[in-house]
Amino acid sequence: MEHALFIVHRTNPGKRDEVRAVWEKHMAPAIAKNDGHIDYFYCFDHQDHDVLRVFQLYSNAEAADSFLQHPNYAGYLQEVGPLLSNQPEVHTATPQWKKN
């Protein structure tokens, strides 16, 4: 059963572009090679320039949990931590319908 994540990251003021650079360094390559990711959207919020909104669709919950063990994820967390103002807001969901 597919597993979706909706994540909101709040950066320290003016640090959104730096967070994106860290994400591109660590996460983009790992996500591109991860078969468990069906879709991934990394978005800048239009109203708040210190907010990132991320949507991830995994093949299942196990694939999502497994990805957290990827070595790139640990490097990302270490480098991005000082650039974020708080912990990300994470919501999980089970897709009920999608346009193919």
Protein backbone atom coordinates (compact mmCIF):
# COMPACT_ATOMS: atom_id res chain seq x y z
CA MET A 1 0.00 0.00 0.00
CA GLU A 2 1.45 3.37 -1.01
CA HIS A 3 2.60 5.69 1.78
CA ALA A 4 2.67 9.50 1.55
CA LEU A 5 4.53 12.07 3.60
CA PHE A 6 3.76 15.78 3.78
CA ILE A 7 6.60 17.69 5.42
CA VAL A 8 7.00 21.37 6.31
CA HIS A 9 10.48 22.69 7.06
CA ARG A 10 10.95 26.15 8.59
CA THR A 11 14.42 27.57 8.02
CA ASN A 12 16.20 30.22 10.00
CA PRO A 13 15.49 33.63 8.43
CA GLY A 14 16.97 33.90 4.96
CA LYS A 15 18.45 30.37 4.96
CA ARG A 16 16.07 28.64 2.55
CA ASP A 17 18.50 28.65 -0.36
CA GLU A 18 21.26 27.23 1.87
CA VAL A 19 18.94 24.46 3.01
CA ARG A 20 18.15 23.67 -0.62
CA ALA A 21 21.87 23.45 -1.43
CA VAL A 22 22.38 20.97 1.43
CA TRP A 23 19.33 18.99 0.25
CA GLU A 24 20.67 18.89 -3.33
CA LYS A 25 24.09 17.73 -2.09
CA HIS A 26 22.86 14.88 0.10
CA MET A 27 19.28 13.99 -0.66
CA ALA A 28 18.68 14.53 -4.37
CA PRO A 29 21.19 11.85 -5.45
CA ALA A 30 19.89 9.34 -2.90
CA ILE A 31 16.26 9.95 -3.83
CA ALA A 32 16.98 9.72 -7.56
CA LYS A 33 18.41 6.22 -7.06
CA ASN A 34 15.79 5.03 -4.56
CA ASP A 35 13.24 2.67 -6.13
CA GLY A 36 10.99 3.07 -3.08
CA HIS A 37 10.25 6.70 -3.98
CA ILE A 38 7.42 6.90 -6.50
CA ASP A 39 7.18 10.71 -6.44
CA TYR A 40 9.03 13.47 -4.62
CA PHE A 41 8.25 17.20 -4.71
CA TYR A 42 10.57 19.71 -3.03
CA CYS A 43 8.78 23.07 -3.02
CA PHE A 44 9.31 26.66 -1.92
CA ASP A 45 6.29 28.17 -0.16
CA HIS A 46 4.95 31.27 -1.95
CA GLN A 47 3.76 33.13 1.14
CA ASP A 48 6.64 32.48 3.55
CA HIS A 49 10.18 32.63 2.19
CA ASP A 50 11.52 30.63 5.13
CA VAL A 51 9.29 27.60 4.50
CA LEU A 52 9.85 24.49 2.39
CA ARG A 53 7.03 22.05 1.65
CA VAL A 54 7.85 18.50 0.65
CA PHE A 55 5.61 15.74 -0.66
CA GLN A 56 6.94 12.20 -0.87
CA LEU A 57 5.13 9.16 -2.18
CA TYR A 58 6.67 5.80 -1.35
CA SER A 59 5.73 2.36 -2.58
CA ASN A 60 4.93 1.43 1.04
CA ALA A 61 5.62 2.44 4.66
CA GLU A 62 8.56 0.04 4.89
CA ALA A 63 10.28 1.81 2.00
CA ALA A 64 9.83 5.13 3.81
CA ASP A 65 11.26 3.72 7.03
CA SER A 66 14.13 2.06 5.19
CA PHE A 67 15.14 5.29 3.45
CA LEU A 68 15.79 6.90 6.85
CA GLN A 69 18.75 4.53 7.19
CA HIS A 70 20.43 5.79 3.99
CA PRO A 71 23.89 7.22 4.79
CA ASN A 72 23.11 10.41 2.85
CA TYR A 73 20.21 11.08 5.22
CA ALA A 74 22.52 11.16 8.26
CA GLY A 75 24.86 13.58 6.49
CA TYR A 76 21.94 15.76 5.50
CA LEU A 77 20.59 15.94 9.06
CA GLN A 78 23.96 16.90 10.46
CA GLU A 79 24.58 19.65 7.94
CA VAL A 80 21.06 21.06 7.74
CA GLY A 81 20.33 21.14 11.49
CA PRO A 82 21.87 24.56 12.18
CA LEU A 83 19.93 26.07 9.26
CA LEU A 84 16.47 25.04 10.52
CA SER A 85 14.52 26.97 13.13
CA ASN A 86 12.73 23.87 14.49
CA GLN A 87 11.99 20.22 13.82
CA PRO A 88 10.06 19.53 10.60
CA GLU A 89 6.31 19.06 10.75
CA VAL A 90 5.60 15.60 9.32
CA HIS A 91 2.22 14.15 8.39
CA THR A 92 1.71 10.65 7.00
CA ALA A 93 -1.19 9.57 4.81
CA THR A 94 -2.45 6.68 2.74
CA PRO A 95 -3.37 7.74 -0.80
CA GLN A 96 -6.93 6.83 -1.73
CA TRP A 97 -6.89 8.05 -5.35
CA LYS A 98 -4.37 9.59 -7.72
CA LYS A 99 -4.23 10.65 -11.32
CA ASN A 100 -1.85 8.42 -13.26
